[in-house]
Amino acid sequence: MTTTPKAKLGIIAGSGRLPLRLIDACIKVNRPYFVIALEGQANPEDYRNHPYEIVRIGAAGKSIKLFKKHDVKDIIMAGPVRRPSIAALRPDGTALKFMMKTGAMKQGDDGLLSALIKFLEKDHGFRVVGVEDILQDTMHGEGALGKHRPDKDAWDDINKAVRTLKVLASADVGQGLVIQDGLVLAVEAIEGTDAMIRRVKDLKRPGAYPILVKLRKVGQETRADLPTIGIDTIVNAYKSGIRGIAFDGGGMIIMDKKDVIDKANELGLFLQAIDQEAIE
């Protein structure tokens, strides 16, 4: 998708550094932007020097009014968001209408995000864009990054992990897993990648160290919730005894790519971008 040149970008900010990287990219090209920092998700201190408002996640009507007030044309969703319960959500009229129309709270994350994008575009006239439209350096095609490479045993595990994740994708569950010698040690669920990596430390078995595999789900809406790795992923993987990371070359955000590659080189981890469609 091509964004409108200089169209004001509305950033719906969850946690983490990704929204800040988007702001930096806007500033670099003199593109106007406005941030909605989701209450309880984003850190307000990160946005004190930027045009922003704190909005609770259930106040969809307020968010839409703010975007229109600030003449936002393009919207991007960035950063992990913990999914609240209905009670904690406290939906306003707009959010309630969306939930009743789409059955959103009964859907998996990907179904919910697809419905939300359609709601923003079809019902309210915005255009939802993906991270790769703003940060071209965060994606990577098929191939190895850095100086380390998976061996044959690692490739056997990677292939099994891809097949397993494809099965899980049909249930809208998991974007990642950790595998060792053909045994799946952990599957990523609502806890997120870093928490999954931490619990693997107590699950790994003797022998070759485990491998982390992260993929976008088959048919996933690529404008939101793409799998992401960064420096913390590399460090946490190393501490938990993981020897390498294989990821979807067609749909993975790599935060601070050069730093990630340097850290993987330093700690001895391989980084391998793969074509999941080529593995059956």
C-alpha atoms as a PDB file:
ATOM      1  CA  MET A   1       0.000   0.000   0.000  1.00  0.00           C
ATOM      2  CA  THR A   2       1.230   3.477  -0.802  1.00  0.00           C
ATOM      3  CA  THR A   3       0.601   6.203   1.734  1.00  0.00           C
ATOM      4  CA  THR A   4      -0.507   9.669   0.725  1.00  0.00           C
ATOM      5  CA  PRO A   5       2.590  11.918   0.609  1.00  0.00           C
ATOM      6  CA  LYS A   6       2.687  14.143   3.682  1.00  0.00           C
ATOM      7  CA  ALA A   7      -0.790  13.002   4.798  1.00  0.00           C
ATOM      8  CA  LYS A   8      -0.987  13.309   8.557  1.00  0.00           C
ATOM      9  CA  LEU A   9      -0.310   9.963  10.201  1.00  0.00           C
ATOM     10  CA  GLY A  10      -2.363   8.885  13.184  1.00  0.00           C
ATOM     11  CA  ILE A  11      -0.410   6.513  15.433  1.00  0.00           C
ATOM     12  CA  ILE A  12      -2.343   4.251  17.781  1.00  0.00           C
ATOM     13  CA  ALA A  13       0.414   3.506  20.277  1.00  0.00           C
ATOM     14  CA  GLY A  14       0.597   0.404  22.428  1.00  0.00           C
ATOM     15  CA  SER A  15       3.679  -0.483  24.448  1.00  0.00           C
ATOM     16  CA  GLY A  16       7.294  -0.716  23.340  1.00  0.00           C
ATOM     17  CA  ARG A  17       9.567   1.345  21.094  1.00  0.00           C
ATOM     18  CA  LEU A  18       7.894   0.821  17.726  1.00  0.00           C
ATOM     19  CA  PRO A  19       5.568   3.862  17.974  1.00  0.00           C
ATOM     20  CA  LEU A  20       8.601   6.020  18.796  1.00  0.00           C
ATOM     21  CA  ARG A  21      10.437   4.720  15.740  1.00  0.00           C
ATOM     22  CA  LEU A  22       7.437   5.733  13.632  1.00  0.00           C
ATOM     23  CA  ILE A  23       7.524   9.223  15.134  1.00  0.00           C
ATOM     24  CA  ASP A  24      11.238   9.492  14.316  1.00  0.00           C
ATOM     25  CA  ALA A  25      10.492   8.479  10.714  1.00  0.00           C
ATOM     26  CA  CYS A  26       7.786  11.145  10.432  1.00  0.00           C
ATOM     27  CA  ILE A  27      10.073  13.830  11.816  1.00  0.00           C
ATOM     28  CA  LYS A  28      12.848  12.818   9.422  1.00  0.00           C
ATOM     29  CA  VAL A  29      10.657  13.429   6.347  1.00  0.00           C
ATOM     30  CA  ASN A  30       8.730  16.344   7.874  1.00  0.00           C
ATOM     31  CA  ARG A  31       5.483  14.369   7.885  1.00  0.00           C
ATOM     32  CA  PRO A  32       2.809  15.561  10.360  1.00  0.00           C
ATOM     33  CA  TYR A  33       1.574  13.051  12.925  1.00  0.00           C
ATOM     34  CA  PHE A  34      -0.699  12.701  15.927  1.00  0.00           C
ATOM     35  CA  VAL A  35      -0.495  10.002  18.596  1.00  0.00           C
ATOM     36  CA  ILE A  36      -3.216   8.293  20.566  1.00  0.00           C
ATOM     37  CA  ALA A  37      -1.417   6.668  23.488  1.00  0.00           C
ATOM     38  CA  LEU A  38      -3.584   3.830  24.765  1.00  0.00           C
ATOM     39  CA  GLU A  39      -4.142   4.164  28.488  1.00  0.00           C
ATOM     40  CA  GLY A  40      -2.517   1.382  30.476  1.00  0.00           C
ATOM     41  CA  GLN A  41      -0.595   0.226  27.401  1.00  0.00           C
ATOM     42  CA  ALA A  42       1.642   3.080  26.207  1.00  0.00           C
ATOM     43  CA  ASN A  43       3.984   5.003  28.502  1.00  0.00           C
ATOM     44  CA  PRO A  44       2.733   8.631  28.512  1.00  0.00           C
ATOM     45  CA  GLU A  45       6.212   9.938  29.346  1.00  0.00           C
ATOM     46  CA  ASP A  46       7.393   8.782  25.924  1.00  0.00           C
ATOM     47  CA  TYR A  47       5.064  11.243  24.192  1.00  0.00           C
ATOM     48  CA  ARG A  48       5.307  14.397  26.317  1.00  0.00           C
ATOM     49  CA  ASN A  49       7.156  16.272  23.582  1.00  0.00           C
ATOM     50  CA  HIS A  50       4.811  15.148  20.795  1.00  0.00           C
ATOM     51  CA  PRO A  51       1.217  15.898  19.777  1.00  0.00           C
ATOM     52  CA  TYR A  52      -0.744  13.226  21.621  1.00  0.00           C
ATOM     53  CA  GLU A  53      -3.724  12.330  23.775  1.00  0.00           C
ATOM     54  CA  ILE A  54      -4.156   9.500  26.253  1.00  0.00           C
ATOM     55  CA  VAL A  55      -7.288   7.523  25.420  1.00  0.00           C
ATOM     56  CA  ARG A  56      -8.561   4.362  27.081  1.00  0.00           C
ATOM     57  CA  ILE A  57      -8.862   1.434  24.717  1.00  0.00           C
ATOM     58  CA  GLY A  58     -12.663   1.270  24.947  1.00  0.00           C
ATOM     59  CA  ALA A  59     -13.185   4.933  24.007  1.00  0.00           C
ATOM     60  CA  ALA A  60     -13.264   4.341  20.249  1.00  0.00           C
ATOM     61  CA  GLY A  61     -15.539   7.306  19.603  1.00  0.00           C
ATOM     62  CA  LYS A  62     -13.120   9.692  21.307  1.00  0.00           C
ATOM     63  CA  SER A  63     -10.191   8.313  19.293  1.00  0.00           C
ATOM     64  CA  ILE A  64     -12.034   8.772  15.999  1.00  0.00           C
ATOM     65  CA  LYS A  65     -13.087  12.318  16.921  1.00  0.00           C
ATOM     66  CA  LEU A  66      -9.508  13.210  17.854  1.00  0.00           C
ATOM     67  CA  PHE A  67      -8.136  11.841  14.607  1.00  0.00           C
ATOM     68  CA  LYS A  68     -10.683  13.807  12.594  1.00  0.00           C
ATOM     69  CA  LYS A  69     -10.104  16.950  14.657  1.00  0.00           C
ATOM     70  CA  HIS A  70      -6.380  16.709  13.901  1.00  0.00           C
ATOM     71  CA  ASP A  71      -7.003  16.024  10.195  1.00  0.00           C
ATOM     72  CA  VAL A  72      -5.492  12.540  10.262  1.00  0.00           C
ATOM     73  CA  LYS A  73      -5.797  10.641   6.973  1.00  0.00           C
ATOM     74  CA  ASP A  74      -3.632   7.536   7.492  1.00  0.00           C
ATOM     75  CA  ILE A  75      -3.690   5.387  10.631  1.00  0.00           C
ATOM     76  CA  ILE A  76      -1.138   2.898  11.877  1.00  0.00           C
ATOM     77  CA  MET A  77      -1.382   0.559  14.867  1.00  0.00           C
ATOM     78  CA  ALA A  78       1.956  -0.018  16.545  1.00  0.00           C
ATOM     79  CA  GLY A  79       3.188  -1.765  19.657  1.00  0.00           C
ATOM     80  CA  PRO A  80       1.842  -4.700  21.671  1.00  0.00           C
ATOM     81  CA  VAL A  81      -1.577  -4.256  23.257  1.00  0.00           C
ATOM     82  CA  ARG A  82      -2.845  -6.454  26.067  1.00  0.00           C
ATOM     83  CA  ARG A  83      -6.395  -7.455  25.220  1.00  0.00           C
ATOM     84  CA  PRO A  84      -8.742  -6.369  28.047  1.00  0.00           C
ATOM     85  CA  SER A  85     -11.800  -8.188  29.326  1.00  0.00           C
ATOM     86  CA  ILE A  86     -15.206  -6.750  28.415  1.00  0.00           C
ATOM     87  CA  ALA A  87     -15.563  -5.462  31.981  1.00  0.00           C
ATOM     88  CA  ALA A  88     -12.227  -3.655  31.826  1.00  0.00           C
ATOM     89  CA  LEU A  89     -12.899  -2.376  28.313  1.00  0.00           C
ATOM     90  CA  ARG A  90     -15.881  -0.197  29.315  1.00  0.00           C
ATOM     91  CA  PRO A  91     -16.871   0.381  25.680  1.00  0.00           C
ATOM     92  CA  ASP A  92     -18.356   3.722  24.656  1.00  0.00           C
ATOM     93  CA  GLY A  93     -21.197   3.909  22.150  1.00  0.00           C
ATOM     94  CA  THR A  94     -18.930   3.646  19.117  1.00  0.00           C
ATOM     95  CA  ALA A  95     -16.998   0.692  20.533  1.00  0.00           C
ATOM     96  CA  LEU A  96     -20.212  -1.031  21.572  1.00  0.00           C
ATOM     97  CA  LYS A  97     -21.645  -0.627  18.078  1.00  0.00           C
ATOM     98  CA  PHE A  98     -18.450  -2.094  16.611  1.00  0.00           C
ATOM     99  CA  MET A  99     -18.548  -5.046  19.006  1.00  0.00           C
ATOM    100  CA  MET A 100     -22.192  -5.820  18.308  1.00  0.00           C
ATOM    101  CA  LYS A 101     -21.755  -5.497  14.546  1.00  0.00           C
ATOM    102  CA  THR A 102     -18.642  -7.670  14.313  1.00  0.00           C
ATOM    103  CA  GLY A 103     -18.771  -9.947  17.353  1.00  0.00           C
ATOM    104  CA  ALA A 104     -15.250  -8.678  17.947  1.00  0.00           C
ATOM    105  CA  MET A 105     -14.713  -9.908  21.490  1.00  0.00           C
ATOM    106  CA  LYS A 106     -15.480 -13.489  20.444  1.00  0.00           C
ATOM    107  CA  GLN A 107     -12.915 -13.437  17.655  1.00  0.00           C
ATOM    108  CA  GLY A 108      -9.227 -14.248  17.812  1.00  0.00           C
ATOM    109  CA  ASP A 109      -6.700 -11.447  17.577  1.00  0.00           C
ATOM    110  CA  ASP A 110      -6.381 -11.608  13.799  1.00  0.00           C
ATOM    111  CA  GLY A 111     -10.140 -11.614  13.245  1.00  0.00           C
ATOM    112  CA  LEU A 112     -10.511  -8.695  15.633  1.00  0.00           C
ATOM    113  CA  LEU A 113      -7.801  -6.656  13.905  1.00  0.00           C
ATOM    114  CA  SER A 114      -9.227  -7.345  10.449  1.00  0.00           C
ATOM    115  CA  ALA A 115     -12.656  -6.200  11.640  1.00  0.00           C
ATOM    116  CA  LEU A 116     -11.145  -3.085  13.227  1.00  0.00           C
ATOM    117  CA  ILE A 117      -9.314  -2.131  10.024  1.00  0.00           C
ATOM    118  CA  LYS A 118     -12.506  -2.539   8.005  1.00  0.00           C
ATOM    119  CA  PHE A 119     -14.361  -0.433  10.590  1.00  0.00           C
ATOM    120  CA  LEU A 120     -11.819   2.396  10.360  1.00  0.00           C
ATOM    121  CA  GLU A 121     -11.652   2.368   6.568  1.00  0.00           C
ATOM    122  CA  LYS A 122     -15.198   1.593   5.439  1.00  0.00           C
ATOM    123  CA  ASP A 123     -17.149   3.269   8.219  1.00  0.00           C
ATOM    124  CA  HIS A 124     -14.952   6.271   8.983  1.00  0.00           C
ATOM    125  CA  GLY A 125     -12.914   7.010   5.852  1.00  0.00           C
ATOM    126  CA  PHE A 126      -9.406   6.514   7.190  1.00  0.00           C
ATOM    127  CA  ARG A 127      -6.688   4.506   5.468  1.00  0.00           C
ATOM    128  CA  VAL A 128      -4.875   1.957   7.611  1.00  0.00           C
ATOM    129  CA  VAL A 129      -1.222   1.433   6.675  1.00  0.00           C
ATOM    130  CA  GLY A 130       1.429  -1.070   7.729  1.00  0.00           C
ATOM    131  CA  VAL A 131       4.725  -0.547   9.495  1.00  0.00           C
ATOM    132  CA  GLU A 132       6.642  -1.480   6.342  1.00  0.00           C
ATOM    133  CA  ASP A 133       5.034   1.502   4.568  1.00  0.00           C
ATOM    134  CA  ILE A 134       6.750   3.835   7.054  1.00  0.00           C
ATOM    135  CA  LEU A 135       9.836   1.918   8.176  1.00  0.00           C
ATOM    136  CA  GLN A 136      11.232   0.155   5.135  1.00  0.00           C
ATOM    137  CA  ASP A 137      14.340  -1.003   7.040  1.00  0.00           C
ATOM    138  CA  THR A 138      12.406  -3.216   9.452  1.00  0.00           C
ATOM    139  CA  MET A 139      11.640  -6.016   6.970  1.00  0.00           C
ATOM    140  CA  HIS A 140      13.952  -8.653   5.497  1.00  0.00           C
ATOM    141  CA  GLY A 141      13.653 -11.109   2.621  1.00  0.00           C
ATOM    142  CA  GLU A 142      14.641 -14.768   2.721  1.00  0.00           C
ATOM    143  CA  GLY A 143      18.187 -15.546   3.828  1.00  0.00           C
ATOM    144  CA  ALA A 144      20.597 -15.441   6.759  1.00  0.00           C
ATOM    145  CA  LEU A 145      21.429 -12.312   8.720  1.00  0.00           C
ATOM    146  CA  GLY A 146      24.755 -12.135  10.470  1.00  0.00           C
ATOM    147  CA  LYS A 147      27.611 -14.614  10.464  1.00  0.00           C
ATOM    148  CA  HIS A 148      25.988 -17.668  12.067  1.00  0.00           C
ATOM    149  CA  ARG A 149      23.981 -20.293  10.151  1.00  0.00           C
ATOM    150  CA  PRO A 150      21.592 -23.106  11.107  1.00  0.00           C
ATOM    151  CA  ASP A 151      22.987 -26.611  10.617  1.00  0.00           C
ATOM    152  CA  LYS A 152      21.072 -29.604   9.206  1.00  0.00           C
ATOM    153  CA  ASP A 153      19.569 -30.550  12.584  1.00  0.00           C
ATOM    154  CA  ALA A 154      18.436 -26.970  13.073  1.00  0.00           C
ATOM    155  CA  TRP A 155      16.775 -26.978   9.637  1.00  0.00           C
ATOM    156  CA  ASP A 156      14.907 -30.164  10.548  1.00  0.00           C
ATOM    157  CA  ASP A 157      13.536 -28.417  13.626  1.00  0.00           C
ATOM    158  CA  ILE A 158      12.711 -25.259  11.667  1.00  0.00           C
ATOM    159  CA  ASN A 159      10.746 -27.231   9.088  1.00  0.00           C
ATOM    160  CA  LYS A 160       8.762 -29.059  11.778  1.00  0.00           C
ATOM    161  CA  ALA A 161       8.091 -25.788  13.609  1.00  0.00           C
ATOM    162  CA  VAL A 162       6.730 -24.154  10.448  1.00  0.00           C
ATOM    163  CA  ARG A 163       4.383 -27.073   9.811  1.00  0.00           C
ATOM    164  CA  THR A 164       3.202 -26.944  13.433  1.00  0.00           C
ATOM    165  CA  LEU A 165       2.566 -23.199  13.359  1.00  0.00           C
ATOM    166  CA  LYS A 166       0.554 -23.541  10.148  1.00  0.00           C
ATOM    167  CA  VAL A 167      -1.771 -25.966  11.934  1.00  0.00           C
ATOM    168  CA  LEU A 168      -2.092 -23.649  14.921  1.00  0.00           C
ATOM    169  CA  ALA A 169      -2.806 -20.680  12.644  1.00  0.00           C
ATOM    170  CA  SER A 170      -6.142 -22.187  11.631  1.00  0.00           C
ATOM    171  CA  ALA A 171      -7.249 -21.735  15.247  1.00  0.00           C
ATOM    172  CA  ASP A 172      -5.814 -18.177  15.388  1.00  0.00           C
ATOM    173  CA  VAL A 173      -3.350 -19.293  18.066  1.00  0.00           C
ATOM    174  CA  GLY A 174       0.327 -18.471  18.335  1.00  0.00           C
ATOM    175  CA  GLN A 175       2.873 -16.712  16.184  1.00  0.00           C
ATOM    176  CA  GLY A 176       5.869 -18.475  17.595  1.00  0.00           C
ATOM    177  CA  LEU A 177       7.204 -21.578  19.281  1.00  0.00           C
ATOM    178  CA  VAL A 178      10.424 -23.029  20.644  1.00  0.00           C
ATOM    179  CA  ILE A 179      11.540 -26.439  19.400  1.00  0.00           C
ATOM    180  CA  GLN A 180      14.409 -28.777  20.339  1.00  0.00           C
ATOM    181  CA  ASP A 181      15.286 -32.050  18.621  1.00  0.00           C
ATOM    182  CA  GLY A 182      11.822 -32.310  17.108  1.00  0.00           C
ATOM    183  CA  LEU A 183      10.065 -31.639  20.423  1.00  0.00           C
ATOM    184  CA  VAL A 184       7.955 -28.497  20.788  1.00  0.00           C
ATOM    185  CA  LEU A 185       8.922 -27.024  24.161  1.00  0.00           C
ATOM    186  CA  ALA A 186       6.588 -24.028  24.152  1.00  0.00           C
ATOM    187  CA  VAL A 187       3.994 -22.296  22.010  1.00  0.00           C
ATOM    188  CA  GLU A 188       3.448 -18.546  22.213  1.00  0.00           C
ATOM    189  CA  ALA A 189       0.000 -17.620  23.480  1.00  0.00           C
ATOM    190  CA  ILE A 190      -1.288 -14.486  25.165  1.00  0.00           C
ATOM    191  CA  GLU A 191       1.866 -14.079  27.290  1.00  0.00           C
ATOM    192  CA  GLY A 192       3.980 -12.937  24.309  1.00  0.00           C
ATOM    193  CA  THR A 193       7.362 -13.928  22.934  1.00  0.00           C
ATOM    194  CA  ASP A 194       9.608 -12.777  25.780  1.00  0.00           C
ATOM    195  CA  ALA A 195       7.566 -14.597  28.439  1.00  0.00           C
ATOM    196  CA  MET A 196       7.572 -17.762  26.329  1.00  0.00           C
ATOM    197  CA  ILE A 197      11.349 -17.533  25.930  1.00  0.00           C
ATOM    198  CA  ARG A 198      11.850 -17.116  29.676  1.00  0.00           C
ATOM    199  CA  ARG A 199       9.897 -20.269  30.569  1.00  0.00           C
ATOM    200  CA  VAL A 200      11.884 -22.326  28.048  1.00  0.00           C
ATOM    201  CA  LYS A 201      14.951 -21.910  30.268  1.00  0.00           C
ATOM    202  CA  ASP A 202      13.488 -24.516  32.631  1.00  0.00           C
ATOM    203  CA  LEU A 203      12.122 -26.769  29.866  1.00  0.00           C
ATOM    204  CA  LYS A 204      15.083 -27.380  27.579  1.00  0.00           C
ATOM    205  CA  ARG A 205      16.604 -30.842  27.477  1.00  0.00           C
ATOM    206  CA  PRO A 206      20.183 -32.114  27.109  1.00  0.00           C
ATOM    207  CA  GLY A 207      21.605 -31.976  23.611  1.00  0.00           C
ATOM    208  CA  ALA A 208      21.564 -29.309  20.916  1.00  0.00           C
ATOM    209  CA  TYR A 209      20.088 -26.066  22.178  1.00  0.00           C
ATOM    210  CA  PRO A 210      16.515 -25.059  21.216  1.00  0.00           C
ATOM    211  CA  ILE A 211      15.427 -22.801  18.348  1.00  0.00           C
ATOM    212  CA  LEU A 212      12.859 -20.002  18.354  1.00  0.00           C
ATOM    213  CA  VAL A 213      10.640 -19.845  15.263  1.00  0.00           C
ATOM    214  CA  LYS A 214       8.323 -16.884  14.679  1.00  0.00           C
ATOM    215  CA  LEU A 215       5.920 -16.541  11.751  1.00  0.00           C
ATOM    216  CA  ARG A 216       2.961 -14.438  10.762  1.00  0.00           C
ATOM    217  CA  LYS A 217      -0.178 -16.526  10.654  1.00  0.00           C
ATOM    218  CA  VAL A 218      -1.338 -17.762   7.260  1.00  0.00           C
ATOM    219  CA  GLY A 219      -3.751 -15.151   5.914  1.00  0.00           C
ATOM    220  CA  GLN A 220      -2.840 -12.712   8.690  1.00  0.00           C
ATOM    221  CA  GLU A 221      -3.742  -9.049   8.313  1.00  0.00           C
ATOM    222  CA  THR A 222      -0.279  -7.612   7.701  1.00  0.00           C
ATOM    223  CA  ARG A 223      -1.161  -4.034   8.622  1.00  0.00           C
ATOM    224  CA  ALA A 224      -1.322  -4.886  12.308  1.00  0.00           C
ATOM    225  CA  ASP A 225       0.233  -7.244  14.831  1.00  0.00           C
ATOM    226  CA  LEU A 226       3.115  -8.490  12.701  1.00  0.00           C
ATOM    227  CA  PRO A 227       5.613 -10.556  14.703  1.00  0.00           C
ATOM    228  CA  THR A 228       8.457  -8.423  16.013  1.00  0.00           C
ATOM    229  CA  ILE A 229      11.961  -9.112  17.278  1.00  0.00           C
ATOM    230  CA  GLY A 230      14.462  -6.695  18.766  1.00  0.00           C
ATOM    231  CA  ILE A 231      17.538  -6.539  20.980  1.00  0.00           C
ATOM    232  CA  ASP A 232      15.576  -7.800  23.992  1.00  0.00           C
ATOM    233  CA  THR A 233      14.502 -10.880  22.016  1.00  0.00           C
ATOM    234  CA  ILE A 234      18.132 -11.729  21.219  1.00  0.00           C
ATOM    235  CA  VAL A 235      19.341 -11.216  24.791  1.00  0.00           C
ATOM    236  CA  ASN A 236      16.439 -13.141  26.347  1.00  0.00           C
ATOM    237  CA  ALA A 237      16.887 -15.990  23.855  1.00  0.00           C
ATOM    238  CA  TYR A 238      20.582 -16.251  24.726  1.00  0.00           C
ATOM    239  CA  LYS A 239      19.860 -16.269  28.470  1.00  0.00           C
ATOM    240  CA  SER A 240      17.358 -19.096  27.982  1.00  0.00           C
ATOM    241  CA  GLY A 241      19.799 -21.231  25.998  1.00  0.00           C
ATOM    242  CA  ILE A 242      18.261 -20.707  22.555  1.00  0.00           C
ATOM    243  CA  ARG A 243      20.810 -21.084  19.750  1.00  0.00           C
ATOM    244  CA  GLY A 244      19.038 -19.326  16.909  1.00  0.00           C
ATOM    245  CA  ILE A 245      15.922 -17.660  15.595  1.00  0.00           C
ATOM    246  CA  ALA A 246      14.136 -18.471  12.346  1.00  0.00           C
ATOM    247  CA  PHE A 247      11.494 -16.029  11.194  1.00  0.00           C
ATOM    248  CA  ASP A 248       9.156 -15.192   8.351  1.00  0.00           C
ATOM    249  CA  GLY A 249      11.100 -13.234   5.736  1.00  0.00           C
ATOM    250  CA  GLY A 250       7.852 -11.888   4.325  1.00  0.00           C
ATOM    251  CA  GLY A 251       6.304 -10.606   7.511  1.00  0.00           C
ATOM    252  CA  MET A 252       8.553  -9.848  10.461  1.00  0.00           C
ATOM    253  CA  ILE A 253       9.430  -6.497  11.979  1.00  0.00           C
ATOM    254  CA  ILE A 254      13.063  -6.276  13.081  1.00  0.00           C
ATOM    255  CA  MET A 255      13.553  -3.351  15.400  1.00  0.00           C
ATOM    256  CA  ASP A 256      16.985  -1.682  15.137  1.00  0.00           C
ATOM    257  CA  LYS A 257      18.093  -4.291  12.591  1.00  0.00           C
ATOM    258  CA  LYS A 258      21.827  -3.539  12.608  1.00  0.00           C
ATOM    259  CA  ASP A 259      21.978  -3.656  16.403  1.00  0.00           C
ATOM    260  CA  VAL A 260      20.002  -6.914  16.416  1.00  0.00           C
ATOM    261  CA  ILE A 261      22.417  -8.524  13.935  1.00  0.00           C
ATOM    262  CA  ASP A 262      25.463  -7.275  15.855  1.00  0.00           C
ATOM    263  CA  LYS A 263      24.105  -8.644  19.132  1.00  0.00           C
ATOM    264  CA  ALA A 264      23.275 -12.027  17.557  1.00  0.00           C
ATOM    265  CA  ASN A 265      26.798 -12.194  16.119  1.00  0.00           C
ATOM    266  CA  GLU A 266      28.271 -11.352  19.505  1.00  0.00           C
ATOM    267  CA  LEU A 267      26.208 -13.976  21.381  1.00  0.00           C
ATOM    268  CA  GLY A 268      26.537 -16.705  18.743  1.00  0.00           C
ATOM    269  CA  LEU A 269      22.882 -16.921  17.650  1.00  0.00           C
ATOM    270  CA  PHE A 270      21.847 -17.482  14.055  1.00  0.00           C
ATOM    271  CA  LEU A 271      19.135 -15.320  12.472  1.00  0.00           C
ATOM    272  CA  GLN A 272      17.492 -17.030   9.501  1.00  0.00           C
ATOM    273  CA  ALA A 273      14.712 -15.495   7.413  1.00  0.00           C
ATOM    274  CA  ILE A 274      12.624 -18.187   5.731  1.00  0.00           C
ATOM    275  CA  ASP A 275       9.866 -18.530   3.157  1.00  0.00           C
ATOM    276  CA  GLN A 276       7.159 -20.351   5.072  1.00  0.00           C
ATOM    277  CA  GLU A 277       5.169 -20.955   1.876  1.00  0.00           C
ATOM    278  CA  ALA A 278       8.011 -23.146   0.575  1.00  0.00           C
ATOM    279  CA  ILE A 279       7.718 -25.506   3.557  1.00  0.00           C
ATOM    280  CA  GLU A 280       4.891 -28.041   3.404  1.00  0.00           C
END
